[in-house]
Amino acid sequence: SYFSICLITPILLLVQLIPISISGIGTREGTSVLLLSNFGIPPELAIAFSLGILIEDYILGGIGLVCWFKIKE
């Protein structure tokens, strides 16, 4: 549900800041499976949601990098 996603997303973003892996890969996925299973969401969907957050971070970072290079010129 929308409520569960709004509750879980900030926790996942904080977990990905733990400096034990690159970009929080692994810790975020494990945490998403653990937390979203409490709401009845299957592990496959939890991992897909977590990877969606990762892809979104990379896309937004890439857009920011392009803008930064354009401003520096």
PDB file of N, CA and C in Angstrom:
ATOM      1  N   SER A   1       0.833  -1.182   0.000  1.00  0.00           N
ATOM      2  CA  SER A   1       0.000   0.000   0.000  1.00  0.00           C
ATOM      3  C   SER A   1       0.879   1.248   0.000  1.00  0.00           C
ATOM      4  N   TYR A   2       0.264   2.356  -0.294  1.00  0.00           N
ATOM      5  CA  TYR A   2       0.985   3.625  -0.344  1.00  0.00           C
ATOM      6  C   TYR A   2       1.550   3.986   1.031  1.00  0.00           C
ATOM      7  N   PHE A   3       0.800   3.696   2.086  1.00  0.00           N
ATOM      8  CA  PHE A   3       1.253   3.997   3.442  1.00  0.00           C
ATOM      9  C   PHE A   3       2.523   3.227   3.782  1.00  0.00           C
ATOM     10  N   SER A   4       2.560   1.954   3.429  1.00  0.00           N
ATOM     11  CA  SER A   4       3.741   1.151   3.750  1.00  0.00           C
ATOM     12  C   SER A   4       4.969   1.647   2.991  1.00  0.00           C
ATOM     13  N   ILE A   5       4.783   2.061   1.738  1.00  0.00           N
ATOM     14  CA  ILE A   5       5.906   2.593   0.967  1.00  0.00           C
ATOM     15  C   ILE A   5       6.406   3.898   1.584  1.00  0.00           C
ATOM     16  N   CYS A   6       5.481   4.764   2.007  1.00  0.00           N
ATOM     17  CA  CYS A   6       5.866   6.028   2.642  1.00  0.00           C
ATOM     18  C   CYS A   6       6.562   5.798   3.976  1.00  0.00           C
ATOM     19  N   LEU A   7       6.249   4.725   4.640  1.00  0.00           N
ATOM     20  CA  LEU A   7       6.870   4.401   5.915  1.00  0.00           C
ATOM     21  C   LEU A   7       8.248   3.777   5.723  1.00  0.00           C
ATOM     22  N   ILE A   8       8.406   2.939   4.722  1.00  0.00           N
ATOM     23  CA  ILE A   8       9.626   2.174   4.522  1.00  0.00           C
ATOM     24  C   ILE A   8      10.709   2.974   3.796  1.00  0.00           C
ATOM     25  N   THR A   9      10.340   3.825   2.847  1.00  0.00           N
ATOM     26  CA  THR A   9      11.326   4.510   2.002  1.00  0.00           C
ATOM     27  C   THR A   9      12.350   5.326   2.799  1.00  0.00           C
ATOM     28  N   PRO A  10      11.962   6.141   3.776  1.00  0.00           N
ATOM     29  CA  PRO A  10      12.989   6.881   4.531  1.00  0.00           C
ATOM     30  C   PRO A  10      13.937   5.960   5.295  1.00  0.00           C
ATOM     31  N   ILE A  11      13.430   4.850   5.784  1.00  0.00           N
ATOM     32  CA  ILE A  11      14.289   3.897   6.489  1.00  0.00           C
ATOM     33  C   ILE A  11      15.304   3.306   5.527  1.00  0.00           C
ATOM     34  N   LEU A  12      14.862   2.942   4.317  1.00  0.00           N
ATOM     35  CA  LEU A  12      15.779   2.387   3.323  1.00  0.00           C
ATOM     36  C   LEU A  12      16.840   3.402   2.916  1.00  0.00           C
ATOM     37  N   LEU A  13      16.446   4.663   2.801  1.00  0.00           N
ATOM     38  CA  LEU A  13      17.414   5.695   2.434  1.00  0.00           C
ATOM     39  C   LEU A  13      18.458   5.892   3.530  1.00  0.00           C
ATOM     40  N   LEU A  14      18.065   5.757   4.773  1.00  0.00           N
ATOM     41  CA  LEU A  14      19.031   5.847   5.871  1.00  0.00           C
ATOM     42  C   LEU A  14      19.945   4.630   5.907  1.00  0.00           C
ATOM     43  N   VAL A  15      19.395   3.447   5.629  1.00  0.00           N
ATOM     44  CA  VAL A  15      20.197   2.223   5.643  1.00  0.00           C
ATOM     45  C   VAL A  15      21.252   2.259   4.550  1.00  0.00           C
ATOM     46  N   GLN A  16      20.929   2.850   3.409  1.00  0.00           N
ATOM     47  CA  GLN A  16      21.897   2.874   2.316  1.00  0.00           C
ATOM     48  C   GLN A  16      23.082   3.782   2.634  1.00  0.00           C
ATOM     49  N   LEU A  17      22.968   4.630   3.656  1.00  0.00           N
ATOM     50  CA  LEU A  17      24.078   5.494   4.058  1.00  0.00           C
ATOM     51  C   LEU A  17      25.097   4.781   4.942  1.00  0.00           C
ATOM     52  N   ILE A  18      24.776   3.590   5.426  1.00  0.00           N
ATOM     53  CA  ILE A  18      25.711   2.838   6.264  1.00  0.00           C
ATOM     54  C   ILE A  18      26.919   2.463   5.402  1.00  0.00           C
ATOM     55  N   PRO A  19      28.121   2.842   5.811  1.00  0.00           N
ATOM     56  CA  PRO A  19      29.291   2.673   4.939  1.00  0.00           C
ATOM     57  C   PRO A  19      29.900   1.267   4.959  1.00  0.00           C
ATOM     58  N   ILE A  20      29.099   0.247   4.664  1.00  0.00           N
ATOM     59  CA  ILE A  20      29.656  -1.105   4.608  1.00  0.00           C
ATOM     60  C   ILE A  20      29.574  -1.701   3.213  1.00  0.00           C
ATOM     61  N   SER A  21      28.990  -0.978   2.264  1.00  0.00           N
ATOM     62  CA  SER A  21      28.944  -1.458   0.883  1.00  0.00           C
ATOM     63  C   SER A  21      28.884  -0.265  -0.065  1.00  0.00           C
ATOM     64  N   ILE A  22      29.111  -0.525  -1.335  1.00  0.00           N
ATOM     65  CA  ILE A  22      29.089   0.542  -2.333  1.00  0.00           C
ATOM     66  C   ILE A  22      27.639   0.869  -2.677  1.00  0.00           C
ATOM     67  N   SER A  23      27.269   2.111  -2.534  1.00  0.00           N
ATOM     68  CA  SER A  23      25.908   2.614  -2.815  1.00  0.00           C
ATOM     69  C   SER A  23      24.834   1.932  -1.973  1.00  0.00           C
ATOM     70  N   GLY A  24      25.206   1.287  -0.895  1.00  0.00           N
ATOM     71  CA  GLY A  24      24.221   0.632  -0.048  1.00  0.00           C
ATOM     72  C   GLY A  24      23.634  -0.627  -0.646  1.00  0.00           C
ATOM     73  N   ILE A  25      24.277  -1.144  -1.718  1.00  0.00           N
ATOM     74  CA  ILE A  25      23.761  -2.346  -2.382  1.00  0.00           C
ATOM     75  C   ILE A  25      23.918  -3.530  -1.435  1.00  0.00           C
ATOM     76  N   GLY A  26      22.877  -4.250  -1.245  1.00  0.00           N
ATOM     77  CA  GLY A  26      22.873  -5.403  -0.355  1.00  0.00           C
ATOM     78  C   GLY A  26      22.191  -5.079   0.962  1.00  0.00           C
ATOM     79  N   THR A  27      22.655  -4.023   1.613  1.00  0.00           N
ATOM     80  CA  THR A  27      22.023  -3.649   2.880  1.00  0.00           C
ATOM     81  C   THR A  27      20.615  -3.121   2.641  1.00  0.00           C
ATOM     82  N   ARG A  28      20.457  -2.311   1.585  1.00  0.00           N
ATOM     83  CA  ARG A  28      19.132  -1.767   1.265  1.00  0.00           C
ATOM     84  C   ARG A  28      18.187  -2.884   0.839  1.00  0.00           C
ATOM     85  N   GLU A  29      18.680  -3.819   0.032  1.00  0.00           N
ATOM     86  CA  GLU A  29      17.819  -4.903  -0.434  1.00  0.00           C
ATOM     87  C   GLU A  29      17.400  -5.809   0.721  1.00  0.00           C
ATOM     88  N   GLY A  30      18.358  -6.140   1.584  1.00  0.00           N
ATOM     89  CA  GLY A  30      18.032  -6.978   2.736  1.00  0.00           C
ATOM     90  C   GLY A  30      17.040  -6.315   3.672  1.00  0.00           C
ATOM     91  N   THR A  31      17.237  -5.032   3.900  1.00  0.00           N
ATOM     92  CA  THR A  31      16.318  -4.291   4.762  1.00  0.00           C
ATOM     93  C   THR A  31      14.939  -4.192   4.139  1.00  0.00           C
ATOM     94  N   SER A  32      14.892  -3.993   2.821  1.00  0.00           N
ATOM     95  CA  SER A  32      13.578  -3.890   2.171  1.00  0.00           C
ATOM     96  C   SER A  32      12.828  -5.211   2.249  1.00  0.00           C
ATOM     97  N   VAL A  33      13.528  -6.326   2.067  1.00  0.00           N
ATOM     98  CA  VAL A  33      12.864  -7.627   2.195  1.00  0.00           C
ATOM     99  C   VAL A  33      12.366  -7.814   3.622  1.00  0.00           C
ATOM    100  N   LEU A  34      13.197  -7.469   4.587  1.00  0.00           N
ATOM    101  CA  LEU A  34      12.825  -7.631   5.994  1.00  0.00           C
ATOM    102  C   LEU A  34      11.618  -6.770   6.368  1.00  0.00           C
ATOM    103  N   LEU A  35      11.643  -5.502   5.993  1.00  0.00           N
ATOM    104  CA  LEU A  35      10.568  -4.595   6.400  1.00  0.00           C
ATOM    105  C   LEU A  35       9.291  -4.791   5.589  1.00  0.00           C
ATOM    106  N   LEU A  36       9.422  -4.966   4.275  1.00  0.00           N
ATOM    107  CA  LEU A  36       8.225  -5.091   3.444  1.00  0.00           C
ATOM    108  C   LEU A  36       7.530  -6.440   3.625  1.00  0.00           C
ATOM    109  N   SER A  37       8.258  -7.458   4.092  1.00  0.00           N
ATOM    110  CA  SER A  37       7.600  -8.741   4.351  1.00  0.00           C
ATOM    111  C   SER A  37       6.600  -8.620   5.500  1.00  0.00           C
ATOM    112  N   ASN A  38       6.811  -7.648   6.388  1.00  0.00           N
ATOM    113  CA  ASN A  38       5.847  -7.411   7.467  1.00  0.00           C
ATOM    114  C   ASN A  38       4.513  -6.897   6.946  1.00  0.00           C
ATOM    115  N   PHE A  39       4.523  -6.308   5.748  1.00  0.00           N
ATOM    116  CA  PHE A  39       3.296  -5.811   5.131  1.00  0.00           C
ATOM    117  C   PHE A  39       2.731  -6.794   4.116  1.00  0.00           C
ATOM    118  N   GLY A  40       3.289  -7.994   4.050  1.00  0.00           N
ATOM    119  CA  GLY A  40       2.778  -9.019   3.149  1.00  0.00           C
ATOM    120  C   GLY A  40       3.275  -8.906   1.717  1.00  0.00           C
ATOM    121  N   ILE A  41       4.328  -8.143   1.489  1.00  0.00           N
ATOM    122  CA  ILE A  41       4.877  -7.988   0.145  1.00  0.00           C
ATOM    123  C   ILE A  41       5.932  -9.070  -0.065  1.00  0.00           C
ATOM    124  N   PRO A  42       5.847  -9.811  -1.187  1.00  0.00           N
ATOM    125  CA  PRO A  42       6.813 -10.889  -1.433  1.00  0.00           C
ATOM    126  C   PRO A  42       8.239 -10.347  -1.607  1.00  0.00           C
ATOM    127  N   PRO A  43       9.236 -11.175  -1.298  1.00  0.00           N
ATOM    128  CA  PRO A  43      10.633 -10.732  -1.400  1.00  0.00           C
ATOM    129  C   PRO A  43      11.022 -10.248  -2.798  1.00  0.00           C
ATOM    130  N   GLU A  44      10.453 -10.862  -3.841  1.00  0.00           N
ATOM    131  CA  GLU A  44      10.801 -10.456  -5.210  1.00  0.00           C
ATOM    132  C   GLU A  44      10.392  -9.004  -5.464  1.00  0.00           C
ATOM    133  N   LEU A  45       9.206  -8.637  -5.004  1.00  0.00           N
ATOM    134  CA  LEU A  45       8.745  -7.259  -5.178  1.00  0.00           C
ATOM    135  C   LEU A  45       9.540  -6.290  -4.311  1.00  0.00           C
ATOM    136  N   ALA A  46       9.934  -6.740  -3.130  1.00  0.00           N
ATOM    137  CA  ALA A  46      10.725  -5.881  -2.248  1.00  0.00           C
ATOM    138  C   ALA A  46      12.084  -5.581  -2.876  1.00  0.00           C
ATOM    139  N   ILE A  47      12.708  -6.585  -3.469  1.00  0.00           N
ATOM    140  CA  ILE A  47      14.001  -6.373  -4.121  1.00  0.00           C
ATOM    141  C   ILE A  47      13.834  -5.500  -5.358  1.00  0.00           C
ATOM    142  N   ALA A  48      12.765  -5.709  -6.115  1.00  0.00           N
ATOM    143  CA  ALA A  48      12.507  -4.872  -7.292  1.00  0.00           C
ATOM    144  C   ALA A  48      12.303  -3.414  -6.877  1.00  0.00           C
ATOM    145  N   PHE A  49      11.589  -3.189  -5.796  1.00  0.00           N
ATOM    146  CA  PHE A  49      11.386  -1.831  -5.287  1.00  0.00           C
ATOM    147  C   PHE A  49      12.720  -1.207  -4.893  1.00  0.00           C
ATOM    148  N   SER A  50      13.547  -1.986  -4.215  1.00  0.00           N
ATOM    149  CA  SER A  50      14.842  -1.495  -3.786  1.00  0.00           C
ATOM    150  C   SER A  50      15.746  -1.176  -4.973  1.00  0.00           C
ATOM    151  N   LEU A  51      15.730  -2.022  -5.978  1.00  0.00           N
ATOM    152  CA  LEU A  51      16.532  -1.752  -7.172  1.00  0.00           C
ATOM    153  C   LEU A  51      15.990  -0.549  -7.937  1.00  0.00           C
ATOM    154  N   GLY A  52      14.689  -0.327  -7.870  1.00  0.00           N
ATOM    155  CA  GLY A  52      14.104   0.868  -8.475  1.00  0.00           C
ATOM    156  C   GLY A  52      14.632   2.136  -7.826  1.00  0.00           C
ATOM    157  N   ILE A  53      14.789   2.102  -6.507  1.00  0.00           N
ATOM    158  CA  ILE A  53      15.367   3.244  -5.797  1.00  0.00           C
ATOM    159  C   ILE A  53      16.809   3.461  -6.251  1.00  0.00           C
ATOM    160  N   LEU A  54      17.560   2.373  -6.418  1.00  0.00           N
ATOM    161  CA  LEU A  54      18.946   2.478  -6.867  1.00  0.00           C
ATOM    162  C   LEU A  54      19.030   3.083  -8.268  1.00  0.00           C
ATOM    163  N   ILE A  55      18.196   2.615  -9.174  1.00  0.00           N
ATOM    164  CA  ILE A  55      18.192   3.139 -10.541  1.00  0.00           C
ATOM    165  C   ILE A  55      17.807   4.619 -10.546  1.00  0.00           C
ATOM    166  N   GLU A  56      16.821   4.966  -9.737  1.00  0.00           N
ATOM    167  CA  GLU A  56      16.418   6.376  -9.641  1.00  0.00           C
ATOM    168  C   GLU A  56      17.573   7.243  -9.146  1.00  0.00           C
ATOM    169  N   ASP A  57      18.307   6.765  -8.146  1.00  0.00           N
ATOM    170  CA  ASP A  57      19.453   7.518  -7.631  1.00  0.00           C
ATOM    171  C   ASP A  57      20.506   7.727  -8.713  1.00  0.00           C
ATOM    172  N   TYR A  58      20.795   6.686  -9.485  1.00  0.00           N
ATOM    173  CA  TYR A  58      21.805   6.797 -10.544  1.00  0.00           C
ATOM    174  C   TYR A  58      21.346   7.722 -11.665  1.00  0.00           C
ATOM    175  N   ILE A  59      20.088   7.649 -12.043  1.00  0.00           N
ATOM    176  CA  ILE A  59      19.580   8.522 -13.107  1.00  0.00           C
ATOM    177  C   ILE A  59      19.631   9.984 -12.665  1.00  0.00           C
ATOM    178  N   LEU A  60      19.153  10.261 -11.456  1.00  0.00           N
ATOM    179  CA  LEU A  60      19.183  11.643 -10.964  1.00  0.00           C
ATOM    180  C   LEU A  60      20.612  12.143 -10.784  1.00  0.00           C
ATOM    181  N   GLY A  61      21.503  11.264 -10.343  1.00  0.00           N
ATOM    182  CA  GLY A  61      22.909  11.643 -10.226  1.00  0.00           C
ATOM    183  C   GLY A  61      23.528  11.942 -11.580  1.00  0.00           C
ATOM    184  N   GLY A  62      23.174  11.154 -12.589  1.00  0.00           N
ATOM    185  CA  GLY A  62      23.673  11.395 -13.943  1.00  0.00           C
ATOM    186  C   GLY A  62      23.177  12.710 -14.509  1.00  0.00           C
ATOM    187  N   ILE A  63      21.921  13.008 -14.278  1.00  0.00           N
ATOM    188  CA  ILE A  63      21.367  14.292 -14.729  1.00  0.00           C
ATOM    189  C   ILE A  63      22.078  15.448 -14.023  1.00  0.00           C
ATOM    190  N   GLY A  64      22.313  15.299 -12.738  1.00  0.00           N
ATOM    191  CA  GLY A  64      23.033  16.329 -11.997  1.00  0.00           C
ATOM    192  C   GLY A  64      24.460  16.500 -12.494  1.00  0.00           C
ATOM    193  N   LEU A  65      25.117  15.405 -12.858  1.00  0.00           N
ATOM    194  CA  LEU A  65      26.478  15.474 -13.380  1.00  0.00           C
ATOM    195  C   LEU A  65      26.522  16.208 -14.715  1.00  0.00           C
ATOM    196  N   VAL A  66      25.577  15.913 -15.587  1.00  0.00           N
ATOM    197  CA  VAL A  66      25.506  16.602 -16.879  1.00  0.00           C
ATOM    198  C   VAL A  66      25.269  18.096 -16.666  1.00  0.00           C
ATOM    199  N   CYS A  67      24.363  18.443 -15.776  1.00  0.00           N
ATOM    200  CA  CYS A  67      24.097  19.862 -15.491  1.00  0.00           C
ATOM    201  C   CYS A  67      25.331  20.543 -14.915  1.00  0.00           C
ATOM    202  N   TRP A  68      26.046  19.859 -14.064  1.00  0.00           N
ATOM    203  CA  TRP A  68      27.247  20.419 -13.455  1.00  0.00           C
ATOM    204  C   TRP A  68      28.312  20.698 -14.510  1.00  0.00           C
ATOM    205  N   PHE A  69      28.505  19.756 -15.438  1.00  0.00           N
ATOM    206  CA  PHE A  69      29.471  19.976 -16.514  1.00  0.00           C
ATOM    207  C   PHE A  69      29.044  21.119 -17.422  1.00  0.00           C
ATOM    208  N   LYS A  70      27.751  21.250 -17.678  1.00  0.00           N
ATOM    209  CA  LYS A  70      27.255  22.347 -18.517  1.00  0.00           C
ATOM    210  C   LYS A  70      27.482  23.702 -17.848  1.00  0.00           C
ATOM    211  N   ILE A  71      27.305  23.763 -16.539  1.00  0.00           N
ATOM    212  CA  ILE A  71      27.494  25.016 -15.806  1.00  0.00           C
ATOM    213  C   ILE A  71      28.979  25.394 -15.766  1.00  0.00           C
ATOM    214  N   LYS A  72      29.864  24.400 -15.649  1.00  0.00           N
ATOM    215  CA  LYS A  72      31.300  24.672 -15.577  1.00  0.00           C
ATOM    216  C   LYS A  72      31.850  25.215 -16.887  1.00  0.00           C
ATOM    217  N   GLU A  73      31.184  24.960 -18.010  1.00  0.00           N
ATOM    218  CA  GLU A  73      31.688  25.424 -19.314  1.00  0.00           C
ATOM    219  C   GLU A  73      31.530  26.873 -19.506  1.00  0.00           C
TER     220      GLU A  73
END
